[in-house]
Amino acid sequence: MTVEIMFALLSAAFLALAVFGVVLFPTLFLDVPRGIQRGLQVTAGVLALVVAVGQVVRVLRRHDRHRHAGR
């Protein structure tokens, strides 16, 4: 694997973890009903996945543009 792919994957994992944590953070301190908590978990998972895929695509496209530009 190249450095760019590893950077894309690691930054995507970090961003996904951050999004997941931000969405679920209030449930640590508030007494949230089970149904709402489950909904937040699903929402956090979907958002984390979308952010991770978006980050990988963004980083690899940017690298490809720079490579074709001769940088």
PDB file of N, CA and C in Angstrom:
ATOM      1  N   MET A   1       0.850  -1.184   0.000  1.00  0.00           N
ATOM      2  CA  MET A   1       0.000   0.000   0.000  1.00  0.00           C
ATOM      3  C   MET A   1       0.891   1.242   0.000  1.00  0.00           C
ATOM      4  N   THR A   2       0.428   2.228  -0.688  1.00  0.00           N
ATOM      5  CA  THR A   2       1.200   3.453  -0.732  1.00  0.00           C
ATOM      6  C   THR A   2       0.881   4.323   0.480  1.00  0.00           C
ATOM      7  N   VAL A   3       1.686   5.311   0.634  1.00  0.00           N
ATOM      8  CA  VAL A   3       1.505   6.246   1.750  1.00  0.00           C
ATOM      9  C   VAL A   3       0.164   6.961   1.635  1.00  0.00           C
ATOM     10  N   GLU A   4      -0.224   7.302   0.418  1.00  0.00           N
ATOM     11  CA  GLU A   4      -1.472   8.036   0.215  1.00  0.00           C
ATOM     12  C   GLU A   4      -2.684   7.192   0.605  1.00  0.00           C
ATOM     13  N   ILE A   5      -2.649   5.912   0.265  1.00  0.00           N
ATOM     14  CA  ILE A   5      -3.755   5.040   0.629  1.00  0.00           C
ATOM     15  C   ILE A   5      -3.832   4.886   2.141  1.00  0.00           C
ATOM     16  N   MET A   6      -2.691   4.702   2.776  1.00  0.00           N
ATOM     17  CA  MET A   6      -2.677   4.571   4.237  1.00  0.00           C
ATOM     18  C   MET A   6      -3.174   5.853   4.901  1.00  0.00           C
ATOM     19  N   PHE A   7      -2.740   7.006   4.378  1.00  0.00           N
ATOM     20  CA  PHE A   7      -3.220   8.272   4.926  1.00  0.00           C
ATOM     21  C   PHE A   7      -4.724   8.395   4.761  1.00  0.00           C
ATOM     22  N   ALA A   8      -5.226   8.023   3.587  1.00  0.00           N
ATOM     23  CA  ALA A   8      -6.670   8.101   3.338  1.00  0.00           C
ATOM     24  C   ALA A   8      -7.433   7.207   4.311  1.00  0.00           C
ATOM     25  N   LEU A   9      -6.958   5.993   4.516  1.00  0.00           N
ATOM     26  CA  LEU A   9      -7.645   5.059   5.409  1.00  0.00           C
ATOM     27  C   LEU A   9      -7.581   5.493   6.871  1.00  0.00           C
ATOM     28  N   LEU A  10      -6.404   5.926   7.307  1.00  0.00           N
ATOM     29  CA  LEU A  10      -6.263   6.338   8.710  1.00  0.00           C
ATOM     30  C   LEU A  10      -7.038   7.619   9.005  1.00  0.00           C
ATOM     31  N   SER A  11      -6.991   8.581   8.103  1.00  0.00           N
ATOM     32  CA  SER A  11      -7.747   9.815   8.339  1.00  0.00           C
ATOM     33  C   SER A  11      -9.249   9.533   8.287  1.00  0.00           C
ATOM     34  N   ALA A  12      -9.666   8.613   7.424  1.00  0.00           N
ATOM     35  CA  ALA A  12     -11.084   8.243   7.357  1.00  0.00           C
ATOM     36  C   ALA A  12     -11.524   7.563   8.649  1.00  0.00           C
ATOM     37  N   ALA A  13     -10.678   6.690   9.182  1.00  0.00           N
ATOM     38  CA  ALA A  13     -11.015   6.013  10.434  1.00  0.00           C
ATOM     39  C   ALA A  13     -11.122   7.015  11.581  1.00  0.00           C
ATOM     40  N   PHE A  14     -10.197   7.964  11.633  1.00  0.00           N
ATOM     41  CA  PHE A  14     -10.227   8.978  12.681  1.00  0.00           C
ATOM     42  C   PHE A  14     -11.494   9.835  12.586  1.00  0.00           C
ATOM     43  N   LEU A  15     -11.817  10.276  11.376  1.00  0.00           N
ATOM     44  CA  LEU A  15     -13.016  11.099  11.201  1.00  0.00           C
ATOM     45  C   LEU A  15     -14.286  10.314  11.520  1.00  0.00           C
ATOM     46  N   ALA A  16     -14.334   9.051  11.118  1.00  0.00           N
ATOM     47  CA  ALA A  16     -15.506   8.229  11.412  1.00  0.00           C
ATOM     48  C   ALA A  16     -15.674   8.053  12.916  1.00  0.00           C
ATOM     49  N   LEU A  17     -14.583   7.809  13.609  1.00  0.00           N
ATOM     50  CA  LEU A  17     -14.637   7.670  15.064  1.00  0.00           C
ATOM     51  C   LEU A  17     -15.101   8.967  15.717  1.00  0.00           C
ATOM     52  N   ALA A  18     -14.610  10.084  15.227  1.00  0.00           N
ATOM     53  CA  ALA A  18     -15.003  11.378  15.779  1.00  0.00           C
ATOM     54  C   ALA A  18     -16.497  11.641  15.561  1.00  0.00           C
ATOM     55  N   VAL A  19     -16.997  11.365  14.371  1.00  0.00           N
ATOM     56  CA  VAL A  19     -18.417  11.572  14.080  1.00  0.00           C
ATOM     57  C   VAL A  19     -19.265  10.659  14.952  1.00  0.00           C
ATOM     58  N   PHE A  20     -18.882   9.395  15.052  1.00  0.00           N
ATOM     59  CA  PHE A  20     -19.614   8.435  15.870  1.00  0.00           C
ATOM     60  C   PHE A  20     -19.671   8.912  17.320  1.00  0.00           C
ATOM     61  N   GLY A  21     -18.534   9.382  17.827  1.00  0.00           N
ATOM     62  CA  GLY A  21     -18.470   9.858  19.206  1.00  0.00           C
ATOM     63  C   GLY A  21     -19.296  11.105  19.450  1.00  0.00           C
ATOM     64  N   VAL A  22     -19.267  12.032  18.507  1.00  0.00           N
ATOM     65  CA  VAL A  22     -20.019  13.279  18.665  1.00  0.00           C
ATOM     66  C   VAL A  22     -21.520  12.999  18.694  1.00  0.00           C
ATOM     67  N   VAL A  23     -21.975  12.102  17.836  1.00  0.00           N
ATOM     68  CA  VAL A  23     -23.405  11.802  17.798  1.00  0.00           C
ATOM     69  C   VAL A  23     -23.843  11.084  19.075  1.00  0.00           C
ATOM     70  N   LEU A  24     -23.018  10.186  19.584  1.00  0.00           N
ATOM     71  CA  LEU A  24     -23.409   9.407  20.764  1.00  0.00           C
ATOM     72  C   LEU A  24     -22.998  10.041  22.091  1.00  0.00           C
ATOM     73  N   PHE A  25     -22.243  11.104  22.065  1.00  0.00           N
ATOM     74  CA  PHE A  25     -21.759  11.739  23.297  1.00  0.00           C
ATOM     75  C   PHE A  25     -22.885  12.107  24.268  1.00  0.00           C
ATOM     76  N   PRO A  26     -23.973  12.700  23.799  1.00  0.00           N
ATOM     77  CA  PRO A  26     -25.040  13.065  24.757  1.00  0.00           C
ATOM     78  C   PRO A  26     -25.636  11.873  25.504  1.00  0.00           C
ATOM     79  N   THR A  27     -25.610  10.691  24.907  1.00  0.00           N
ATOM     80  CA  THR A  27     -26.204   9.526  25.564  1.00  0.00           C
ATOM     81  C   THR A  27     -25.395   9.083  26.778  1.00  0.00           C
ATOM     82  N   LEU A  28     -24.175   9.553  26.900  1.00  0.00           N
ATOM     83  CA  LEU A  28     -23.365   9.210  28.071  1.00  0.00           C
ATOM     84  C   LEU A  28     -23.846   9.930  29.323  1.00  0.00           C
ATOM     85  N   PHE A  29     -24.415  11.114  29.145  1.00  0.00           N
ATOM     86  CA  PHE A  29     -24.770  11.946  30.287  1.00  0.00           C
ATOM     87  C   PHE A  29     -26.269  12.117  30.490  1.00  0.00           C
ATOM     88  N   LEU A  30     -27.050  11.784  29.477  1.00  0.00           N
ATOM     89  CA  LEU A  30     -28.496  11.938  29.567  1.00  0.00           C
ATOM     90  C   LEU A  30     -29.157  10.568  29.621  1.00  0.00           C
ATOM     91  N   ASP A  31     -30.264  10.520  30.316  1.00  0.00           N
ATOM     92  CA  ASP A  31     -31.034   9.281  30.372  1.00  0.00           C
ATOM     93  C   ASP A  31     -31.940   9.236  29.147  1.00  0.00           C
ATOM     94  N   VAL A  32     -31.441   8.591  28.113  1.00  0.00           N
ATOM     95  CA  VAL A  32     -32.139   8.535  26.832  1.00  0.00           C
ATOM     96  C   VAL A  32     -32.894   7.210  26.737  1.00  0.00           C
ATOM     97  N   PRO A  33     -34.156   7.248  26.305  1.00  0.00           N
ATOM     98  CA  PRO A  33     -34.904   5.994  26.135  1.00  0.00           C
ATOM     99  C   PRO A  33     -34.204   5.050  25.154  1.00  0.00           C
ATOM    100  N   ARG A  34     -34.428   3.772  25.343  1.00  0.00           N
ATOM    101  CA  ARG A  34     -33.745   2.736  24.563  1.00  0.00           C
ATOM    102  C   ARG A  34     -33.962   2.894  23.059  1.00  0.00           C
ATOM    103  N   GLY A  35     -35.163   3.227  22.643  1.00  0.00           N
ATOM    104  CA  GLY A  35     -35.460   3.392  21.223  1.00  0.00           C
ATOM    105  C   GLY A  35     -34.694   4.544  20.595  1.00  0.00           C
ATOM    106  N   ILE A  36     -34.633   5.648  21.309  1.00  0.00           N
ATOM    107  CA  ILE A  36     -33.894   6.809  20.807  1.00  0.00           C
ATOM    108  C   ILE A  36     -32.401   6.515  20.783  1.00  0.00           C
ATOM    109  N   GLN A  37     -31.925   5.827  21.803  1.00  0.00           N
ATOM    110  CA  GLN A  37     -30.504   5.471  21.836  1.00  0.00           C
ATOM    111  C   GLN A  37     -30.151   4.574  20.652  1.00  0.00           C
ATOM    112  N   ARG A  38     -31.003   3.616  20.352  1.00  0.00           N
ATOM    113  CA  ARG A  38     -30.762   2.721  19.209  1.00  0.00           C
ATOM    114  C   ARG A  38     -30.782   3.515  17.898  1.00  0.00           C
ATOM    115  N   GLY A  39     -31.710   4.450  17.789  1.00  0.00           N
ATOM    116  CA  GLY A  39     -31.766   5.303  16.598  1.00  0.00           C
ATOM    117  C   GLY A  39     -30.511   6.143  16.437  1.00  0.00           C
ATOM    118  N   LEU A  40     -30.015   6.668  17.557  1.00  0.00           N
ATOM    119  CA  LEU A  40     -28.772   7.443  17.506  1.00  0.00           C
ATOM    120  C   LEU A  40     -27.580   6.568  17.123  1.00  0.00           C
ATOM    121  N   GLN A  41     -27.566   5.340  17.589  1.00  0.00           N
ATOM    122  CA  GLN A  41     -26.470   4.432  17.228  1.00  0.00           C
ATOM    123  C   GLN A  41     -26.474   4.139  15.727  1.00  0.00           C
ATOM    124  N   VAL A  42     -27.650   3.890  15.189  1.00  0.00           N
ATOM    125  CA  VAL A  42     -27.745   3.626  13.752  1.00  0.00           C
ATOM    126  C   VAL A  42     -27.352   4.868  12.961  1.00  0.00           C
ATOM    127  N   THR A  43     -27.863   6.023  13.378  1.00  0.00           N
ATOM    128  CA  THR A  43     -27.535   7.281  12.712  1.00  0.00           C
ATOM    129  C   THR A  43     -26.040   7.546  12.769  1.00  0.00           C
ATOM    130  N   ALA A  44     -25.430   7.335  13.928  1.00  0.00           N
ATOM    131  CA  ALA A  44     -23.997   7.552  14.078  1.00  0.00           C
ATOM    132  C   ALA A  44     -23.209   6.616  13.171  1.00  0.00           C
ATOM    133  N   GLY A  45     -23.631   5.372  13.073  1.00  0.00           N
ATOM    134  CA  GLY A  45     -22.947   4.425  12.212  1.00  0.00           C
ATOM    135  C   GLY A  45     -23.025   4.797  10.742  1.00  0.00           C
ATOM    136  N   VAL A  46     -24.207   5.205  10.317  1.00  0.00           N
ATOM    137  CA  VAL A  46     -24.392   5.597   8.912  1.00  0.00           C
ATOM    138  C   VAL A  46     -23.588   6.852   8.604  1.00  0.00           C
ATOM    139  N   LEU A  47     -23.661   7.852   9.475  1.00  0.00           N
ATOM    140  CA  LEU A  47     -22.891   9.081   9.251  1.00  0.00           C
ATOM    141  C   LEU A  47     -21.393   8.809   9.256  1.00  0.00           C
ATOM    142  N   ALA A  48     -20.936   7.959  10.158  1.00  0.00           N
ATOM    143  CA  ALA A  48     -19.515   7.622  10.210  1.00  0.00           C
ATOM    144  C   ALA A  48     -19.073   6.943   8.921  1.00  0.00           C
ATOM    145  N   LEU A  49     -19.894   6.053   8.400  1.00  0.00           N
ATOM    146  CA  LEU A  49     -19.571   5.378   7.148  1.00  0.00           C
ATOM    147  C   LEU A  49     -19.507   6.363   5.984  1.00  0.00           C
ATOM    148  N   VAL A  50     -20.474   7.258   5.906  1.00  0.00           N
ATOM    149  CA  VAL A  50     -20.507   8.247   4.827  1.00  0.00           C
ATOM    150  C   VAL A  50     -19.283   9.157   4.901  1.00  0.00           C
ATOM    151  N   VAL A  51     -18.945   9.606   6.100  1.00  0.00           N
ATOM    152  CA  VAL A  51     -17.784  10.479   6.275  1.00  0.00           C
ATOM    153  C   VAL A  51     -16.492   9.739   5.912  1.00  0.00           C
ATOM    154  N   ALA A  52     -16.375   8.488   6.304  1.00  0.00           N
ATOM    155  CA  ALA A  52     -15.166   7.715   6.017  1.00  0.00           C
ATOM    156  C   ALA A  52     -14.991   7.508   4.514  1.00  0.00           C
ATOM    157  N   VAL A  53     -16.051   7.102   3.847  1.00  0.00           N
ATOM    158  CA  VAL A  53     -15.954   6.888   2.401  1.00  0.00           C
ATOM    159  C   VAL A  53     -15.652   8.206   1.688  1.00  0.00           C
ATOM    160  N   GLY A  54     -16.311   9.266   2.111  1.00  0.00           N
ATOM    161  CA  GLY A  54     -16.052  10.577   1.520  1.00  0.00           C
ATOM    162  C   GLY A  54     -14.622  11.023   1.703  1.00  0.00           C
ATOM    163  N   GLN A  55     -14.056  10.770   2.857  1.00  0.00           N
ATOM    164  CA  GLN A  55     -12.674  11.161   3.120  1.00  0.00           C
ATOM    165  C   GLN A  55     -11.706  10.362   2.241  1.00  0.00           C
ATOM    166  N   VAL A  56     -11.926   9.072   2.127  1.00  0.00           N
ATOM    167  CA  VAL A  56     -11.047   8.253   1.279  1.00  0.00           C
ATOM    168  C   VAL A  56     -11.107   8.735  -0.167  1.00  0.00           C
ATOM    169  N   VAL A  57     -12.304   8.959  -0.667  1.00  0.00           N
ATOM    170  CA  VAL A  57     -12.459   9.423  -2.045  1.00  0.00           C
ATOM    171  C   VAL A  57     -11.802  10.781  -2.230  1.00  0.00           C
ATOM    172  N   ARG A  58     -12.012  11.686  -1.288  1.00  0.00           N
ATOM    173  CA  ARG A  58     -11.434  13.039  -1.394  1.00  0.00           C
ATOM    174  C   ARG A  58      -9.918  13.000  -1.418  1.00  0.00           C
ATOM    175  N   VAL A  59      -9.315  12.249  -0.508  1.00  0.00           N
ATOM    176  CA  VAL A  59      -7.856  12.191  -0.427  1.00  0.00           C
ATOM    177  C   VAL A  59      -7.268  11.544  -1.680  1.00  0.00           C
ATOM    178  N   LEU A  60      -7.844  10.447  -2.126  1.00  0.00           N
ATOM    179  CA  LEU A  60      -7.285   9.761  -3.292  1.00  0.00           C
ATOM    180  C   LEU A  60      -7.493  10.554  -4.578  1.00  0.00           C
ATOM    181  N   ARG A  61      -8.612  11.245  -4.704  1.00  0.00           N
ATOM    182  CA  ARG A  61      -8.804  12.110  -5.881  1.00  0.00           C
ATOM    183  C   ARG A  61      -7.819  13.264  -5.878  1.00  0.00           C
ATOM    184  N   ARG A  62      -7.599  13.857  -4.720  1.00  0.00           N
ATOM    185  CA  ARG A  62      -6.641  14.957  -4.628  1.00  0.00           C
ATOM    186  C   ARG A  62      -5.245  14.480  -4.991  1.00  0.00           C
ATOM    187  N   HIS A  63      -4.875  13.300  -4.509  1.00  0.00           N
ATOM    188  CA  HIS A  63      -3.562  12.742  -4.848  1.00  0.00           C
ATOM    189  C   HIS A  63      -3.461  12.485  -6.349  1.00  0.00           C
ATOM    190  N   ASP A  64      -4.526  11.962  -6.943  1.00  0.00           N
ATOM    191  CA  ASP A  64      -4.516  11.677  -8.374  1.00  0.00           C
ATOM    192  C   ASP A  64      -4.378  12.957  -9.190  1.00  0.00           C
ATOM    193  N   ARG A  65      -5.054  14.031  -8.773  1.00  0.00           N
ATOM    194  CA  ARG A  65      -4.920  15.318  -9.472  1.00  0.00           C
ATOM    195  C   ARG A  65      -3.496  15.827  -9.394  1.00  0.00           C
ATOM    196  N   HIS A  66      -2.868  15.738  -8.226  1.00  0.00           N
ATOM    197  CA  HIS A  66      -1.496  16.200  -8.068  1.00  0.00           C
ATOM    198  C   HIS A  66      -0.534  15.355  -8.893  1.00  0.00           C
ATOM    199  N   ARG A  67      -0.795  14.064  -8.959  1.00  0.00           N
ATOM    200  CA  ARG A  67       0.073  13.174  -9.728  1.00  0.00           C
ATOM    201  C   ARG A  67      -0.005  13.481 -11.209  1.00  0.00           C
ATOM    202  N   HIS A  68      -1.207  13.745 -11.712  1.00  0.00           N
ATOM    203  CA  HIS A  68      -1.363  14.082 -13.122  1.00  0.00           C
ATOM    204  C   HIS A  68      -0.849  15.474 -13.453  1.00  0.00           C
ATOM    205  N   ALA A  69      -0.802  16.350 -12.471  1.00  0.00           N
ATOM    206  CA  ALA A  69      -0.280  17.706 -12.680  1.00  0.00           C
ATOM    207  C   ALA A  69       1.247  17.716 -12.644  1.00  0.00           C
ATOM    208  N   GLY A  70       1.853  16.612 -12.249  1.00  0.00           N
ATOM    209  CA  GLY A  70       3.315  16.538 -12.230  1.00  0.00           C
ATOM    210  C   GLY A  70       3.948  17.024 -10.955  1.00  0.00           C
ATOM    211  N   ARG A  71       3.188  17.067  -9.874  1.00  0.00           N
ATOM    212  CA  ARG A  71       3.739  17.571  -8.610  1.00  0.00           C
ATOM    213  C   ARG A  71       4.290  16.447  -7.792  1.00  0.00           C
TER     214      ARG A  71
END
